[in-house]
Amino acid sequence: MRQFTIESRVQQGQLQLNNIPFADNTVVKVVVIPKVPLENLSTVAPIAPKQPFEQPRRPGALAGRLKIADDFDAPLPDSIASAFRGEQA
């Protein structure tokens, strides 16, 4: 797989990629890495290191607080089961 870098600018919402050295109808993967100062980026979700639990989890800690239906492990209806298998309904 060939890899190379092309710098381009977005103009009117369009990314122009000209003079790419591939034949017509070649499938390419484009990874866009904007060159924007970090101050201009907004945070979608904070990134923080994984914190360990203060106390280890205890099996059965929610006993009596959860209700599982009696038919929880019953076979699925055919319409739903076929969808999981990727079959058309």
C-alpha atoms as a PDB file:
ATOM      1  CA  MET A   1       0.000   0.000   0.000  1.00  0.00           C
ATOM      2  CA  ARG A   2       1.409   3.395  -0.982  1.00  0.00           C
ATOM      3  CA  GLN A   3       1.155   6.227   1.486  1.00  0.00           C
ATOM      4  CA  PHE A   4       1.839   9.880   0.884  1.00  0.00           C
ATOM      5  CA  THR A   5       0.858  13.275   2.234  1.00  0.00           C
ATOM      6  CA  ILE A   6      -1.002  15.972   0.336  1.00  0.00           C
ATOM      7  CA  GLU A   7      -1.773  19.300   1.938  1.00  0.00           C
ATOM      8  CA  SER A   8      -5.006  20.957   0.882  1.00  0.00           C
ATOM      9  CA  ARG A   9      -7.482  23.526   2.160  1.00  0.00           C
ATOM     10  CA  VAL A  10     -11.221  23.283   2.660  1.00  0.00           C
ATOM     11  CA  GLN A  11     -12.962  25.894   0.524  1.00  0.00           C
ATOM     12  CA  GLN A  12     -16.719  26.446   0.740  1.00  0.00           C
ATOM     13  CA  GLY A  13     -17.088  23.191   2.645  1.00  0.00           C
ATOM     14  CA  GLN A  14     -15.276  21.189  -0.052  1.00  0.00           C
ATOM     15  CA  LEU A  15     -11.920  19.462   0.259  1.00  0.00           C
ATOM     16  CA  GLN A  16     -10.101  19.703  -3.054  1.00  0.00           C
ATOM     17  CA  LEU A  17      -7.662  16.891  -3.835  1.00  0.00           C
ATOM     18  CA  ASN A  18      -5.980  17.492  -7.168  1.00  0.00           C
ATOM     19  CA  ASN A  19      -3.081  15.750  -8.898  1.00  0.00           C
ATOM     20  CA  ILE A  20      -3.408  12.486  -6.983  1.00  0.00           C
ATOM     21  CA  PRO A  21      -1.131   9.933  -8.683  1.00  0.00           C
ATOM     22  CA  PHE A  22      -3.677   7.120  -9.132  1.00  0.00           C
ATOM     23  CA  ALA A  23      -5.552   5.751 -12.103  1.00  0.00           C
ATOM     24  CA  ASP A  24      -9.246   6.519 -12.556  1.00  0.00           C
ATOM     25  CA  ASN A  25     -11.648   4.426 -10.454  1.00  0.00           C
ATOM     26  CA  THR A  26      -8.945   3.579  -7.899  1.00  0.00           C
ATOM     27  CA  VAL A  27     -10.374   3.216  -4.398  1.00  0.00           C
ATOM     28  CA  VAL A  28      -8.448   5.296  -1.864  1.00  0.00           C
ATOM     29  CA  LYS A  29      -8.755   5.880   1.866  1.00  0.00           C
ATOM     30  CA  VAL A  30      -8.494   9.519   2.930  1.00  0.00           C
ATOM     31  CA  VAL A  31      -7.568  10.453   6.503  1.00  0.00           C
ATOM     32  CA  VAL A  32      -8.130  14.116   7.286  1.00  0.00           C
ATOM     33  CA  ILE A  33      -5.989  15.639  10.026  1.00  0.00           C
ATOM     34  CA  PRO A  34      -6.851  19.311  10.436  1.00  0.00           C
ATOM     35  CA  LYS A  35      -4.009  21.661  11.283  1.00  0.00           C
ATOM     36  CA  VAL A  36      -5.843  23.736  13.871  1.00  0.00           C
ATOM     37  CA  PRO A  37      -4.382  25.270  17.032  1.00  0.00           C
ATOM     38  CA  LEU A  38      -5.493  23.293  20.082  1.00  0.00           C
ATOM     39  CA  GLU A  39      -7.093  26.428  21.533  1.00  0.00           C
ATOM     40  CA  ASN A  40      -9.604  26.424  18.635  1.00  0.00           C
ATOM     41  CA  LEU A  41     -10.836  22.889  19.321  1.00  0.00           C
ATOM     42  CA  SER A  42     -13.823  22.220  21.537  1.00  0.00           C
ATOM     43  CA  THR A  43     -13.982  19.233  23.858  1.00  0.00           C
ATOM     44  CA  VAL A  44     -16.630  16.658  23.036  1.00  0.00           C
ATOM     45  CA  ALA A  45     -15.732  14.403  25.954  1.00  0.00           C
ATOM     46  CA  PRO A  46     -12.947  14.764  28.455  1.00  0.00           C
ATOM     47  CA  ILE A  47     -10.095  12.322  28.044  1.00  0.00           C
ATOM     48  CA  ALA A  48      -8.771  11.030  31.330  1.00  0.00           C
ATOM     49  CA  PRO A  49      -6.765   7.996  32.376  1.00  0.00           C
ATOM     50  CA  LYS A  50      -8.729   4.988  33.556  1.00  0.00           C
ATOM     51  CA  GLN A  51      -9.186   5.177  37.298  1.00  0.00           C
ATOM     52  CA  PRO A  52      -9.219   1.989  39.362  1.00  0.00           C
ATOM     53  CA  PHE A  53     -12.289   1.202  41.462  1.00  0.00           C
ATOM     54  CA  GLU A  54     -11.906   2.310  45.063  1.00  0.00           C
ATOM     55  CA  GLN A  55     -13.343  -1.015  46.194  1.00  0.00           C
ATOM     56  CA  PRO A  56     -13.276  -4.277  44.260  1.00  0.00           C
ATOM     57  CA  ARG A  57     -16.616  -5.375  42.816  1.00  0.00           C
ATOM     58  CA  ARG A  58     -18.543  -7.851  44.942  1.00  0.00           C
ATOM     59  CA  PRO A  59     -20.560 -10.612  43.233  1.00  0.00           C
ATOM     60  CA  GLY A  60     -24.188 -10.440  44.352  1.00  0.00           C
ATOM     61  CA  ALA A  61     -23.990  -6.798  45.435  1.00  0.00           C
ATOM     62  CA  LEU A  62     -27.274  -6.068  43.596  1.00  0.00           C
ATOM     63  CA  ALA A  63     -29.083  -9.226  44.752  1.00  0.00           C
ATOM     64  CA  GLY A  64     -32.760  -8.493  45.296  1.00  0.00           C
ATOM     65  CA  ARG A  65     -32.517  -5.125  43.525  1.00  0.00           C
ATOM     66  CA  LEU A  66     -32.770  -6.386  39.925  1.00  0.00           C
ATOM     67  CA  LYS A  67     -35.627  -8.301  38.304  1.00  0.00           C
ATOM     68  CA  ILE A  68     -34.923 -10.627  35.409  1.00  0.00           C
ATOM     69  CA  ALA A  69     -37.981 -11.785  33.477  1.00  0.00           C
ATOM     70  CA  ASP A  70     -38.887 -15.470  33.784  1.00  0.00           C
ATOM     71  CA  ASP A  71     -38.665 -15.856  29.987  1.00  0.00           C
ATOM     72  CA  PHE A  72     -35.260 -14.130  29.749  1.00  0.00           C
ATOM     73  CA  ASP A  73     -33.632 -17.104  28.036  1.00  0.00           C
ATOM     74  CA  ALA A  74     -36.673 -18.153  25.990  1.00  0.00           C
ATOM     75  CA  PRO A  75     -36.146 -18.496  22.210  1.00  0.00           C
ATOM     76  CA  LEU A  76     -36.585 -15.278  20.243  1.00  0.00           C
ATOM     77  CA  PRO A  77     -39.520 -14.850  17.874  1.00  0.00           C
ATOM     78  CA  ASP A  78     -38.597 -15.927  14.318  1.00  0.00           C
ATOM     79  CA  SER A  79     -38.795 -12.352  13.002  1.00  0.00           C
ATOM     80  CA  ILE A  80     -36.163 -11.146  15.483  1.00  0.00           C
ATOM     81  CA  ALA A  81     -33.956 -14.260  15.259  1.00  0.00           C
ATOM     82  CA  SER A  82     -33.842 -14.004  11.456  1.00  0.00           C
ATOM     83  CA  ALA A  83     -32.745 -10.364  11.714  1.00  0.00           C
ATOM     84  CA  PHE A  84     -29.807 -11.399  13.908  1.00  0.00           C
ATOM     85  CA  ARG A  85     -28.835 -13.954  11.261  1.00  0.00           C
ATOM     86  CA  GLY A  86     -28.949 -11.207   8.602  1.00  0.00           C
ATOM     87  CA  GLU A  87     -31.927 -12.715   6.808  1.00  0.00           C
ATOM     88  CA  GLN A  88     -34.573 -10.565   5.165  1.00  0.00           C
ATOM     89  CA  ALA A  89     -37.950 -10.533   6.875  1.00  0.00           C
END
